[in-house]
Amino acid sequence: MSLDLDRRQRAMLNEMGVHVWWPQALAAAPQASPEATQSLPTAVAPAPLAVKPLSAPAQALHPVVNAAPAAAPVEDVGNLDWSTLAQKVAACTACKLSLGRRAVVFPAARAPGPADWMVIGEPPDDNEERLGLPFAGQAGQLLDNMLKAVGVRRWHPDGGDTPAAGSAYVSNCVKCRPAVARNPEPQELATCENYLQREVALVQPKVILALGRFAAQTLLQGSLPDTAGIPLGKLRGTVYRYQGVPVVVSYHPVYLLRTPQDKARAWADLCLARSVVTPA
């Protein structure tokens, strides 16, 4: 698959703090720098990733692992429309994460419709809770630039439109930020996943980008019970499945703001996700 970038997309990468390398001799087919730190690979899809298998048998590059959703939903929401789902989430007190919350973080009260991409992030931070929207502040700006670099735009609920080809619907693995900030417990992730399952069914994405270890744990714990003990870096480079939808794991923008040398790896993950949506 070709990932040739035009001048606008290269500018997006520069805004991310990424220096694009375009050797003159290979201008028609640029390749990724093998020593990338704060600069991301450009132009074409990244070289095949050497991914260490998660189990003893040898795996093919980018193997597909069928991940069953975690069990123990607190309520059957499988037939709810979007408006009713949003109301259920807003009133939910099914776990301790709801204690002391100021607001539920849910992307939209109105149905977004199908979107090519679905981006699932970590539990809400203070900015996200205040705005009631996932991926706010600097982390949200970085995510938007990352998506634009591969020709994808975030769908905004206040934009007056519905997602179309090349758009991304964003959400979080859990919807509440407790009064005392802490990591969610496994059972709390499983409880809120009940709503996330319905979100996926209504959005009908072609690929899910799981950003951060709690997002990855939520989506993969059904097939990889020890996901919580596997470093996020070792979950990268593999295409999993959640409710039949391909899943690619990568770093959260908040982490990339602190660790910019891993932006090159995040770029490779984006290219992998795009290859799932638009195969070569």
Protein backbone atom coordinates (compact mmCIF):
# COMPACT_ATOMS: atom_id res chain seq x y z
CA MET A 1 0.00 0.00 0.00
CA SER A 2 1.28 3.43 -0.88
CA LEU A 3 1.41 6.03 1.88
CA ASP A 4 2.85 8.88 -0.21
CA LEU A 5 2.41 12.10 1.72
CA ASP A 6 1.67 15.45 0.14
CA ARG A 7 3.07 18.76 1.39
CA ARG A 8 0.15 19.31 3.78
CA GLN A 9 0.57 15.90 5.42
CA ARG A 10 4.31 16.40 5.80
CA ALA A 11 3.54 19.71 7.49
CA MET A 12 1.28 17.85 9.91
CA LEU A 13 4.16 15.56 10.80
CA ASN A 14 6.38 18.58 11.37
CA GLU A 15 3.76 20.01 13.76
CA MET A 16 4.03 16.74 15.71
CA GLY A 17 7.72 17.42 16.20
CA VAL A 18 8.65 14.96 13.47
CA HIS A 19 11.36 15.75 10.94
CA VAL A 20 10.56 14.17 7.59
CA TRP A 21 13.53 12.72 5.72
CA TRP A 22 13.28 12.77 1.92
CA PRO A 23 16.55 11.63 0.27
CA GLN A 24 16.91 13.06 -3.21
CA ALA A 25 17.94 9.80 -4.78
CA LEU A 26 14.81 8.06 -3.54
CA ALA A 27 12.35 10.90 -3.69
CA ALA A 28 9.86 8.80 -5.62
CA ALA A 29 9.87 6.08 -2.97
CA PRO A 30 11.14 7.40 0.41
CA GLN A 31 11.91 4.92 3.15
CA ALA A 32 11.91 4.99 6.92
CA SER A 33 15.09 5.88 8.81
CA PRO A 34 16.31 2.87 10.80
CA GLU A 35 17.59 5.07 13.62
CA ALA A 36 14.39 7.13 14.01
CA THR A 37 14.03 8.85 17.36
CA GLN A 38 12.07 12.08 17.22
CA SER A 39 11.56 11.80 13.46
CA LEU A 40 8.92 9.52 12.06
CA PRO A 41 9.24 7.31 8.96
CA THR A 42 7.48 8.79 5.96
CA ALA A 43 6.13 8.14 2.50
CA VAL A 44 5.49 4.41 2.32
CA ALA A 45 4.25 1.89 4.81
CA PRO A 46 6.92 0.98 7.40
CA ALA A 47 9.28 -1.90 6.99
CA PRO A 48 7.94 -5.14 8.48
CA LEU A 49 8.06 -5.02 12.25
CA ALA A 50 9.99 -7.73 14.05
CA VAL A 51 7.36 -8.70 16.60
CA LYS A 52 8.14 -11.19 19.33
CA PRO A 53 5.36 -13.81 19.48
CA LEU A 54 3.16 -13.80 22.55
CA SER A 55 3.00 -17.61 22.60
CA ALA A 56 5.33 -20.49 21.82
CA PRO A 57 4.22 -21.30 18.23
CA ALA A 58 5.76 -19.19 15.51
CA GLN A 59 3.47 -16.47 14.22
CA ALA A 60 3.31 -14.82 10.82
CA LEU A 61 3.94 -11.09 10.55
CA HIS A 62 0.91 -9.18 11.87
CA PRO A 63 -1.01 -12.33 12.87
CA VAL A 64 -4.73 -11.96 13.55
CA VAL A 65 -5.74 -12.94 17.08
CA ASN A 66 -9.44 -13.35 17.66
CA ALA A 67 -10.22 -11.58 20.93
CA ALA A 68 -13.48 -12.35 22.65
CA PRO A 69 -15.01 -9.49 24.63
CA ALA A 70 -14.67 -9.74 28.40
CA ALA A 71 -17.63 -11.29 30.18
CA ALA A 72 -19.72 -10.06 33.11
CA PRO A 73 -21.69 -7.15 31.65
CA VAL A 74 -23.77 -5.44 34.32
CA GLU A 75 -26.69 -4.78 32.02
CA ASP A 76 -27.77 -5.86 28.57
CA VAL A 77 -27.35 -2.79 26.36
CA GLY A 78 -27.01 -4.73 23.11
CA ASN A 79 -30.24 -3.37 21.61
CA LEU A 80 -29.99 0.26 22.72
CA ASP A 81 -29.94 3.08 20.20
CA TRP A 82 -27.34 5.82 20.57
CA SER A 83 -29.50 8.27 22.50
CA THR A 84 -30.58 5.67 25.05
CA LEU A 85 -27.01 4.43 25.39
CA ALA A 86 -25.80 7.96 26.13
CA GLN A 87 -28.48 8.32 28.82
CA LYS A 88 -27.49 5.00 30.40
CA VAL A 89 -23.83 6.03 30.50
CA ALA A 90 -24.65 9.43 32.03
CA ALA A 91 -26.65 7.80 34.84
CA CYS A 92 -24.37 4.81 35.42
CA THR A 93 -23.29 3.98 38.98
CA ALA A 94 -22.31 0.36 38.31
CA CYS A 95 -18.78 0.69 39.71
CA LYS A 96 -16.72 2.83 42.09
CA LEU A 97 -15.33 4.95 39.26
CA SER A 98 -18.58 6.90 39.33
CA LEU A 99 -18.02 8.05 42.93
CA GLY A 100 -17.29 11.77 43.04
CA ARG A 101 -17.15 12.26 39.28
CA ARG A 102 -17.95 15.71 37.97
CA ALA A 103 -19.18 14.55 34.57
CA VAL A 104 -19.30 11.48 32.37
CA VAL A 105 -16.97 11.61 29.36
CA PHE A 106 -18.98 10.37 26.41
CA PRO A 107 -18.30 11.62 22.87
CA ALA A 108 -21.80 12.57 21.75
CA ALA A 109 -25.46 12.48 22.67
CA ARG A 110 -26.37 12.04 19.00
CA ALA A 111 -25.48 9.05 16.87
CA PRO A 112 -22.19 9.44 14.99
CA GLY A 113 -23.00 6.83 12.37
CA PRO A 114 -20.40 4.48 10.86
CA ALA A 115 -16.75 5.62 10.83
CA ASP A 116 -13.70 3.99 9.26
CA TRP A 117 -11.59 4.38 12.42
CA MET A 118 -12.40 4.14 16.11
CA VAL A 119 -9.76 5.43 18.55
CA ILE A 120 -10.05 4.24 22.15
CA GLY A 121 -7.98 5.98 24.80
CA GLU A 122 -7.22 5.77 28.49
CA PRO A 123 -9.44 6.75 31.45
CA PRO A 124 -10.39 10.45 31.33
CA ASP A 125 -8.03 13.07 32.68
CA ASP A 126 -8.99 16.43 34.16
CA ASN A 127 -9.21 18.23 30.80
CA GLU A 128 -11.39 15.51 29.31
CA GLU A 129 -13.72 15.53 32.30
CA ARG A 130 -14.14 19.31 32.22
CA LEU A 131 -14.93 19.30 28.50
CA GLY A 132 -16.84 16.01 28.50
CA LEU A 133 -14.86 14.86 25.44
CA PRO A 134 -12.03 12.34 24.96
CA PHE A 135 -8.54 13.41 23.88
CA ALA A 136 -8.60 17.05 24.96
CA GLY A 137 -5.79 19.58 25.30
CA GLN A 138 -2.28 18.99 23.93
CA ALA A 139 -2.81 15.24 23.75
CA GLY A 140 -5.87 15.79 21.57
CA GLN A 141 -3.97 18.16 19.28
CA LEU A 142 -1.21 15.59 18.86
CA LEU A 143 -3.74 12.87 18.09
CA ASP A 144 -5.42 15.07 15.49
CA ASN A 145 -2.06 15.71 13.79
CA MET A 146 -1.18 12.02 13.89
CA LEU A 147 -4.48 11.11 12.24
CA LYS A 148 -4.20 13.88 9.64
CA ALA A 149 -0.75 12.60 8.69
CA VAL A 150 -2.39 9.39 7.43
CA GLY A 151 -5.33 11.17 5.83
CA VAL A 152 -7.83 10.71 8.68
CA ARG A 153 -9.78 13.40 10.50
CA ARG A 154 -11.43 13.22 13.89
CA TRP A 155 -15.22 13.39 13.94
CA HIS A 156 -16.42 16.16 16.27
CA PRO A 157 -19.96 15.86 17.66
CA ASP A 158 -20.46 19.63 17.33
CA GLY A 159 -19.33 19.72 13.72
CA GLY A 160 -22.81 19.28 12.32
CA ASP A 161 -21.87 16.33 10.14
CA THR A 162 -21.65 12.57 10.43
CA PRO A 163 -18.52 10.48 10.02
CA ALA A 164 -17.60 9.47 6.51
CA ALA A 165 -14.78 7.60 4.82
CA GLY A 166 -11.48 8.61 6.37
CA SER A 167 -12.96 9.82 9.66
CA ALA A 168 -12.26 8.67 13.22
CA TYR A 169 -14.64 8.37 16.15
CA VAL A 170 -12.85 8.74 19.50
CA SER A 171 -13.78 7.38 22.91
CA ASN A 172 -12.26 6.17 26.21
CA CYS A 173 -12.04 2.69 27.70
CA VAL A 174 -13.96 3.97 30.76
CA LYS A 175 -16.25 6.98 30.99
CA CYS A 176 -15.61 8.30 34.53
CA ARG A 177 -12.75 9.99 36.34
CA PRO A 178 -13.14 9.41 40.10
CA ALA A 179 -12.74 12.23 42.59
CA VAL A 180 -9.36 10.81 43.63
CA ALA A 181 -7.41 10.03 40.46
CA ARG A 182 -6.26 6.40 40.33
CA ASN A 183 -5.88 3.51 37.93
CA PRO A 184 -9.06 1.55 37.14
CA GLU A 185 -9.36 -1.95 38.56
CA PRO A 186 -9.81 -4.92 36.18
CA GLN A 187 -13.45 -5.38 37.19
CA GLU A 188 -14.14 -1.69 36.55
CA LEU A 189 -12.65 -1.98 33.06
CA ALA A 190 -14.86 -5.02 32.41
CA THR A 191 -17.95 -3.22 33.73
CA CYS A 192 -17.52 -0.17 31.50
CA GLU A 193 -16.64 -2.38 28.54
CA ASN A 194 -20.33 -3.25 28.48
CA TYR A 195 -20.97 0.22 27.04
CA LEU A 196 -17.89 0.14 24.83
CA GLN A 197 -19.12 -3.02 23.13
CA ARG A 198 -22.29 -1.22 22.11
CA GLU A 199 -20.33 1.80 20.91
CA VAL A 200 -18.31 -0.46 18.61
CA ALA A 201 -21.46 -2.12 17.29
CA LEU A 202 -23.07 1.24 16.49
CA VAL A 203 -19.99 2.93 15.02
CA GLN A 204 -19.08 -0.12 12.87
CA PRO A 205 -15.39 0.84 12.46
CA LYS A 206 -13.08 -0.86 10.00
CA VAL A 207 -10.21 -0.67 12.50
CA ILE A 208 -9.83 0.14 16.20
CA LEU A 209 -6.73 1.97 17.44
CA ALA A 210 -6.19 1.18 21.13
CA LEU A 211 -3.98 3.88 22.66
CA GLY A 212 -2.47 3.09 26.05
CA ARG A 213 -2.23 0.06 28.31
CA PHE A 214 -5.72 0.28 29.83
CA ALA A 215 -7.32 0.61 26.40
CA ALA A 216 -5.33 -2.41 25.25
CA GLN A 217 -6.20 -4.36 28.40
CA THR A 218 -9.91 -3.65 27.94
CA LEU A 219 -9.97 -4.90 24.36
CA LEU A 220 -7.59 -7.85 24.67
CA GLN A 221 -8.26 -9.28 28.13
CA GLY A 222 -10.84 -11.68 26.72
CA SER A 223 -8.25 -13.50 24.60
CA LEU A 224 -5.03 -12.62 26.47
CA PRO A 225 -5.88 -12.99 30.18
CA ASP A 226 -2.39 -11.82 31.19
CA THR A 227 -2.58 -8.67 29.07
CA ALA A 228 -2.15 -6.48 32.16
CA GLY A 229 1.29 -7.99 32.72
CA ILE A 230 2.52 -7.60 29.14
CA PRO A 231 4.41 -4.35 28.38
CA LEU A 232 2.56 -2.21 25.87
CA GLY A 233 5.52 -2.27 23.50
CA LYS A 234 5.21 -6.05 23.16
CA LEU A 235 1.54 -5.78 22.20
CA ARG A 236 2.39 -3.59 19.21
CA GLY A 237 2.87 -4.87 15.67
CA THR A 238 0.06 -7.45 15.85
CA VAL A 239 -3.46 -7.16 14.46
CA TYR A 240 -5.95 -8.46 17.01
CA ARG A 241 -9.72 -8.63 16.75
CA TYR A 242 -12.46 -7.33 19.03
CA GLN A 243 -16.04 -8.16 18.13
CA GLY A 244 -14.71 -9.06 14.70
CA VAL A 245 -13.03 -5.65 14.20
CA PRO A 246 -9.24 -5.46 13.66
CA VAL A 247 -7.40 -3.86 16.60
CA VAL A 248 -3.97 -2.18 16.52
CA VAL A 249 -2.27 -1.22 19.80
CA SER A 250 -0.10 1.89 20.14
CA TYR A 251 1.07 4.58 22.57
CA HIS A 252 -1.24 7.22 24.02
CA PRO A 253 -0.52 10.83 22.96
CA VAL A 254 0.10 11.79 26.61
CA TYR A 255 2.94 9.27 26.70
CA LEU A 256 4.31 10.53 23.38
CA LEU A 257 4.41 14.09 24.71
CA ARG A 258 6.69 12.84 27.50
CA THR A 259 8.62 10.38 25.33
CA PRO A 260 8.89 11.89 21.83
CA GLN A 261 11.51 9.33 20.74
CA ASP A 262 8.68 6.78 20.48
CA LYS A 263 6.80 8.82 17.88
CA ALA A 264 8.52 6.78 15.17
CA ARG A 265 7.00 3.61 16.59
CA ALA A 266 3.59 5.31 16.84
CA TRP A 267 3.88 6.27 13.17
CA ALA A 268 4.54 2.61 12.27
CA ASP A 269 1.40 1.65 14.22
CA LEU A 270 -0.67 4.22 12.33
CA CYS A 271 0.61 2.86 9.04
CA LEU A 272 -0.31 -0.67 10.14
CA ALA A 273 -3.83 0.48 11.05
CA ARG A 274 -4.22 2.25 7.73
CA SER A 275 -3.09 -0.88 5.89
CA VAL A 276 -5.98 -2.72 7.54
CA VAL A 277 -8.51 -0.13 6.35
CA THR A 278 -7.11 0.19 2.83
CA PRO A 279 -5.10 -2.94 1.96
CA ALA A 280 -2.43 -2.60 -0.71
